[in-house]
Amino acid sequence: MNKKHLAEQKQIRTTVSVAMRIGMVTACVFCIMLIGFSSAGSKEPQQNSRKLRTIVLDPGHGGRDPGAIGRRSKEKDIVLQVALKLGKKIEREFPGIKVIYTRKTDVYPKLYERPALANKNHADLFISIHCNAAGSRASSARGTETLVLGFNRTGDQDVAIRENASILLEENYQENYGGFDPKDPSSYIVFSLMKRRYREHSIRFASYIQNEFASSKRTDRGVKEQSLAVLATAGMPAVLTEIGFISNPSEESYMMSAAGQEAIVNDLFNAINTYRKSMER
């Protein structure tokens, strides 16, 4: 067999190998899309079973940044109290879930450091807790809303996804696809699929939060998309929830009270539990 023939055979084998690998990824994407389409009409879309192991809680603002200021309180203090109580409840009810805080005291972690902490610890969920405020203290604005990353900024997740690729991909990815290769264009099909999945899960989890708040007779301002820096580089489902208007005296009192904080914590916990069940089913 001459050298030219050997070279041709080698090229054929390489082409077949690449085609098979791209085909396998494409088939995987196609199958998952079919699952998504088949469950689109149901309230609880089917998920690939995955344990919820690590949650990062991010009390907004802190330190030199007080956040919104009410008549008797500051946002940074209220959200820290709620986050610490929520974390304790999660740890008590679900010992298998690890809770990480972006801050536990009155300090100011930079915005980029907050999702970076979640990425470093391969978190499964990132929850940033905030209080809302109207432009005027005379405003009657009230209620809760939960924000997810605006679609125009999902490209910012690429680096986080690449850095966490070995952790975030399915457990049998190495077996199925022969290893992740960042130089292989077919690998980026998976990145695209993961970003889509993060977005869908973020919106779903945000809706669970708002459903819980609504069940507690809070005014439901809905799930919204915004270009938020604190969510932009999170390589996992991530939300920012506004637990009430600090500029509204009655809501400020509610969020400052032990009973109000307990109710907010319970609503957030119930939403996490609903999300956990949907993931682990």
Protein backbone atom coordinates (compact mmCIF):
# COMPACT_ATOMS: atom_id res chain seq x y z
CA MET A 1 0.00 0.00 0.00
CA ASN A 2 1.64 3.27 -1.12
CA LYS A 3 1.97 6.41 1.00
CA LYS A 4 -0.73 8.23 -0.95
CA HIS A 5 -3.23 5.45 -0.28
CA LEU A 6 -2.29 5.34 3.41
CA ALA A 7 -2.83 9.10 3.66
CA GLU A 8 -6.23 8.81 2.00
CA GLN A 9 -7.26 6.04 4.40
CA LYS A 10 -6.14 8.10 7.39
CA GLN A 11 -8.14 11.11 6.16
CA ILE A 12 -11.23 8.94 5.70
CA ARG A 13 -10.92 7.56 9.25
CA THR A 14 -10.49 11.08 10.65
CA THR A 15 -13.51 12.37 8.73
CA VAL A 16 -15.66 9.45 9.87
CA SER A 17 -14.56 9.95 13.48
CA VAL A 18 -15.42 13.66 13.46
CA ALA A 19 -18.71 13.01 11.71
CA MET A 20 -19.64 10.36 14.26
CA ARG A 21 -18.81 12.65 17.15
CA ILE A 22 -20.75 15.58 15.73
CA GLY A 23 -23.58 13.22 14.91
CA MET A 24 -23.69 11.91 18.45
CA VAL A 25 -23.82 15.44 19.90
CA THR A 26 -26.45 16.46 17.39
CA ALA A 27 -28.48 13.36 18.23
CA CYS A 28 -28.22 14.22 21.91
CA VAL A 29 -29.42 17.77 21.25
CA PHE A 30 -32.24 16.46 19.05
CA CYS A 31 -33.37 13.97 21.69
CA ILE A 32 -33.39 16.60 24.44
CA MET A 33 -35.29 18.97 22.16
CA LEU A 34 -37.86 16.23 21.58
CA ILE A 35 -38.20 15.77 25.33
CA GLY A 36 -38.70 19.50 25.72
CA PHE A 37 -41.33 19.63 22.98
CA SER A 38 -43.17 16.60 24.33
CA SER A 39 -43.43 18.18 27.79
CA ALA A 40 -44.12 21.75 26.68
CA GLY A 41 -47.80 21.45 27.41
CA SER A 42 -47.34 20.22 30.97
CA LYS A 43 -46.84 22.36 34.05
CA GLU A 44 -43.76 20.39 35.13
CA PRO A 45 -41.41 19.73 32.18
CA GLN A 46 -39.36 16.58 32.48
CA GLN A 47 -35.77 17.01 33.64
CA ASN A 48 -32.65 14.92 33.51
CA SER A 49 -32.37 13.65 37.09
CA ARG A 50 -29.79 15.66 39.00
CA LYS A 51 -29.28 16.24 42.70
CA LEU A 52 -29.40 19.75 44.09
CA ARG A 53 -26.15 19.80 46.07
CA THR A 54 -24.97 23.40 46.40
CA ILE A 55 -26.91 26.66 46.68
CA VAL A 56 -25.28 30.09 46.81
CA LEU A 57 -27.24 32.80 48.64
CA ASP A 58 -26.29 36.37 47.81
CA PRO A 59 -27.58 39.08 50.16
CA GLY A 60 -27.45 42.17 47.96
CA HIS A 61 -25.30 45.23 48.63
CA GLY A 62 -23.48 45.40 52.00
CA GLY A 63 -20.70 47.39 53.62
CA ARG A 64 -20.27 50.81 52.01
CA ASP A 65 -23.25 50.09 49.76
CA PRO A 66 -26.48 50.27 51.80
CA GLY A 67 -28.73 49.61 48.85
CA ALA A 68 -32.20 51.16 49.04
CA ILE A 69 -32.96 53.11 52.23
CA GLY A 70 -36.36 53.14 53.89
CA ARG A 71 -37.67 55.27 56.71
CA ARG A 72 -36.34 52.92 59.38
CA SER A 73 -34.07 50.42 57.66
CA LYS A 74 -31.50 49.72 54.96
CA GLU A 75 -31.79 47.11 52.25
CA LYS A 76 -28.38 45.58 53.03
CA ASP A 77 -29.48 44.72 56.58
CA ILE A 78 -32.88 43.23 55.74
CA VAL A 79 -31.61 41.01 52.94
CA LEU A 80 -28.72 39.73 55.08
CA GLN A 81 -31.13 38.74 57.83
CA VAL A 82 -33.39 36.94 55.35
CA ALA A 83 -30.49 35.16 53.63
CA LEU A 84 -29.01 33.87 56.90
CA LYS A 85 -32.40 32.58 58.07
CA LEU A 86 -33.07 30.96 54.70
CA GLY A 87 -29.67 29.28 54.72
CA LYS A 88 -30.23 27.85 58.21
CA LYS A 89 -33.62 26.48 57.18
CA ILE A 90 -32.15 24.81 54.08
CA GLU A 91 -29.35 23.24 56.11
CA ARG A 92 -31.80 22.06 58.76
CA GLU A 93 -34.34 20.59 56.35
CA PHE A 94 -31.88 19.30 53.74
CA PRO A 95 -28.58 18.26 55.37
CA GLY A 96 -27.32 17.03 52.01
CA ILE A 97 -27.44 20.48 50.45
CA LYS A 98 -24.48 22.78 51.00
CA VAL A 99 -25.26 26.48 51.48
CA ILE A 100 -22.65 29.11 50.61
CA TYR A 101 -23.10 32.82 51.30
CA THR A 102 -21.50 35.62 49.31
CA ARG A 103 -21.45 37.48 52.62
CA LYS A 104 -22.46 36.69 56.20
CA THR A 105 -21.60 40.10 57.67
CA ASP A 106 -21.84 43.76 56.69
CA VAL A 107 -19.21 43.69 53.96
CA TYR A 108 -19.36 44.48 50.25
CA PRO A 109 -18.30 41.73 47.84
CA LYS A 110 -17.83 43.16 44.37
CA LEU A 111 -20.54 42.23 41.91
CA TYR A 112 -18.31 40.02 39.77
CA GLU A 113 -17.08 38.15 42.86
CA ARG A 114 -20.55 36.92 43.76
CA PRO A 115 -21.28 34.72 40.71
CA ALA A 116 -17.55 33.86 40.59
CA LEU A 117 -17.93 32.28 44.04
CA ALA A 118 -20.86 30.23 42.75
CA ASN A 119 -18.86 29.13 39.71
CA LYS A 120 -15.84 28.20 41.82
CA ASN A 121 -17.98 25.98 44.03
CA HIS A 122 -19.90 24.49 41.07
CA ALA A 123 -23.20 25.63 42.56
CA ASP A 124 -26.47 24.27 41.24
CA LEU A 125 -28.46 27.41 42.07
CA PHE A 126 -27.65 31.09 42.66
CA ILE A 127 -30.15 33.29 44.51
CA SER A 128 -29.55 37.02 44.95
CA ILE A 129 -31.89 38.61 47.51
CA HIS A 130 -32.84 42.30 47.33
CA CYS A 131 -35.44 44.86 48.40
CA ASN A 132 -37.15 47.03 45.83
CA ALA A 133 -37.69 50.79 46.02
CA ALA A 134 -39.83 53.30 44.17
CA GLY A 135 -38.51 56.63 42.97
CA SER A 136 -40.38 58.41 45.73
CA ARG A 137 -41.17 57.50 49.33
CA ALA A 138 -44.67 58.77 48.66
CA SER A 139 -45.17 56.01 46.09
CA SER A 140 -47.64 53.25 46.86
CA ALA A 141 -45.64 50.67 44.88
CA ARG A 142 -45.68 47.29 46.56
CA GLY A 143 -45.17 43.61 45.90
CA THR A 144 -42.53 41.12 44.85
CA GLU A 145 -40.86 40.33 41.57
CA THR A 146 -38.09 37.97 40.49
CA LEU A 147 -35.59 38.76 37.78
CA VAL A 148 -33.66 36.51 35.42
CA LEU A 149 -30.82 37.35 33.07
CA GLY A 150 -31.92 39.20 29.95
CA PHE A 151 -31.45 37.13 26.81
CA ASN A 152 -29.08 39.73 25.33
CA ARG A 153 -26.49 38.93 28.02
CA THR A 154 -26.53 35.14 27.98
CA GLY A 155 -23.34 35.28 25.91
CA ASP A 156 -21.55 36.41 29.08
CA GLN A 157 -22.01 32.89 30.44
CA ASP A 158 -19.68 31.34 27.88
CA VAL A 159 -16.50 31.68 29.96
CA ALA A 160 -18.17 30.31 33.10
CA ILE A 161 -19.56 27.36 31.17
CA ARG A 162 -16.19 26.57 29.61
CA GLU A 163 -14.41 26.82 32.97
CA ASN A 164 -16.90 24.46 34.56
CA ALA A 165 -17.42 22.18 31.59
CA SER A 166 -16.03 19.05 33.26
CA ILE A 167 -18.39 19.52 36.23
CA LEU A 168 -21.49 20.86 34.55
CA LEU A 169 -21.73 18.35 31.74
CA GLU A 170 -23.66 15.15 32.26
CA GLU A 171 -21.90 12.54 34.38
CA ASN A 172 -21.62 10.12 31.45
CA TYR A 173 -20.39 12.76 29.00
CA GLN A 174 -16.85 11.32 28.83
CA GLU A 175 -18.24 7.87 28.10
CA ASN A 176 -20.70 9.04 25.48
CA TYR A 177 -18.61 11.56 23.62
CA GLY A 178 -15.03 10.45 24.17
CA GLY A 179 -14.03 13.52 26.20
CA PHE A 180 -14.57 17.25 25.94
CA ASP A 181 -12.33 19.03 23.43
CA PRO A 182 -12.52 22.86 23.44
CA LYS A 183 -10.97 22.86 19.95
CA ASP A 184 -13.80 20.74 18.59
CA PRO A 185 -16.66 22.88 17.16
CA SER A 186 -19.16 20.16 18.05
CA SER A 187 -18.44 20.79 21.74
CA TYR A 188 -19.97 24.25 21.47
CA ILE A 189 -23.31 22.74 20.57
CA VAL A 190 -23.32 21.52 24.17
CA PHE A 191 -22.49 25.03 25.42
CA SER A 192 -25.46 26.41 23.53
CA LEU A 193 -27.71 23.71 24.96
CA MET A 194 -26.47 24.37 28.50
CA LYS A 195 -27.12 28.12 28.23
CA ARG A 196 -30.61 27.39 27.00
CA ARG A 197 -31.16 25.00 29.89
CA TYR A 198 -29.89 27.53 32.47
CA ARG A 199 -32.25 30.11 31.07
CA GLU A 200 -35.24 27.78 31.12
CA HIS A 201 -34.47 26.61 34.66
CA SER A 202 -33.94 30.18 35.87
CA ILE A 203 -37.33 31.23 34.54
CA ARG A 204 -38.97 28.13 36.00
CA PHE A 205 -37.42 28.68 39.42
CA ALA A 206 -38.35 32.37 39.33
CA SER A 207 -41.97 31.39 38.63
CA TYR A 208 -41.92 29.04 41.61
CA ILE A 209 -40.77 31.93 43.82
CA GLN A 210 -43.49 34.24 42.56
CA ASN A 211 -46.13 31.54 42.99
CA GLU A 212 -45.13 31.15 46.63
CA PHE A 213 -45.19 34.89 47.28
CA ALA A 214 -48.62 35.11 45.64
CA SER A 215 -49.90 32.26 47.82
CA SER A 216 -48.88 34.37 50.84
CA LYS A 217 -51.09 37.19 49.56
CA ARG A 218 -48.15 39.31 48.40
CA THR A 219 -48.69 41.46 45.33
CA ASP A 220 -47.25 39.52 42.39
CA ARG A 221 -45.28 41.74 40.01
CA GLY A 222 -44.17 38.74 37.97
CA VAL A 223 -40.99 37.32 36.48
CA LYS A 224 -38.94 39.80 34.47
CA GLU A 225 -35.78 39.80 32.36
CA GLN A 226 -33.04 42.34 32.95
CA SER A 227 -29.38 42.78 32.02
CA LEU A 228 -28.05 42.28 35.54
CA ALA A 229 -24.30 42.11 36.11
CA VAL A 230 -24.68 39.93 39.21
CA LEU A 231 -26.36 37.21 37.11
CA ALA A 232 -24.48 37.65 33.83
CA THR A 233 -21.57 35.28 34.49
CA ALA A 234 -23.33 32.69 36.64
CA GLY A 235 -22.75 29.25 35.13
CA MET A 236 -25.94 27.80 36.61
CA PRO A 237 -29.63 28.73 37.00
CA ALA A 238 -29.67 32.12 38.72
CA VAL A 239 -32.28 34.62 39.89
CA LEU A 240 -32.52 37.94 41.68
CA THR A 241 -35.62 38.22 43.83
CA GLU A 242 -37.05 41.50 45.12
CA ILE A 243 -38.81 40.58 48.36
CA GLY A 244 -40.75 43.83 48.78
CA PHE A 245 -40.62 47.63 48.57
CA ILE A 246 -38.58 49.23 51.32
CA SER A 247 -39.98 52.59 50.17
CA ASN A 248 -43.47 51.44 51.16
CA PRO A 249 -43.90 51.89 54.94
CA SER A 250 -46.17 48.88 55.38
CA GLU A 251 -43.89 46.60 53.36
CA GLU A 252 -40.83 47.95 55.14
CA SER A 253 -42.42 47.07 58.48
CA TYR A 254 -43.33 43.63 57.14
CA MET A 255 -39.78 42.93 55.97
CA MET A 256 -38.31 44.18 59.24
CA SER A 257 -40.60 42.06 61.42
CA ALA A 258 -39.79 38.56 62.60
CA ALA A 259 -43.12 37.29 61.26
CA GLY A 260 -42.60 38.91 57.88
CA GLN A 261 -39.09 37.53 57.51
CA GLU A 262 -40.27 34.08 58.51
CA ALA A 263 -42.97 34.21 55.83
CA ILE A 264 -40.48 35.37 53.18
CA VAL A 265 -38.02 32.63 54.17
CA ASN A 266 -40.76 30.01 54.00
CA ASP A 267 -41.83 31.20 50.55
CA LEU A 268 -38.27 31.06 49.22
CA PHE A 269 -37.67 27.69 50.85
CA ASN A 270 -40.86 26.23 49.37
CA ALA A 271 -39.83 27.45 45.92
CA ILE A 272 -36.41 25.83 46.33
CA ASN A 273 -38.06 22.60 47.43
CA THR A 274 -40.36 22.60 44.41
CA TYR A 275 -37.37 23.20 42.15
CA ARG A 276 -35.41 20.46 43.93
CA LYS A 277 -38.19 17.96 43.34
CA SER A 278 -38.44 18.88 39.67
CA MET A 279 -34.67 18.38 39.27
CA GLU A 280 -34.48 15.09 41.14
CA ARG A 281 -37.58 13.50 39.65
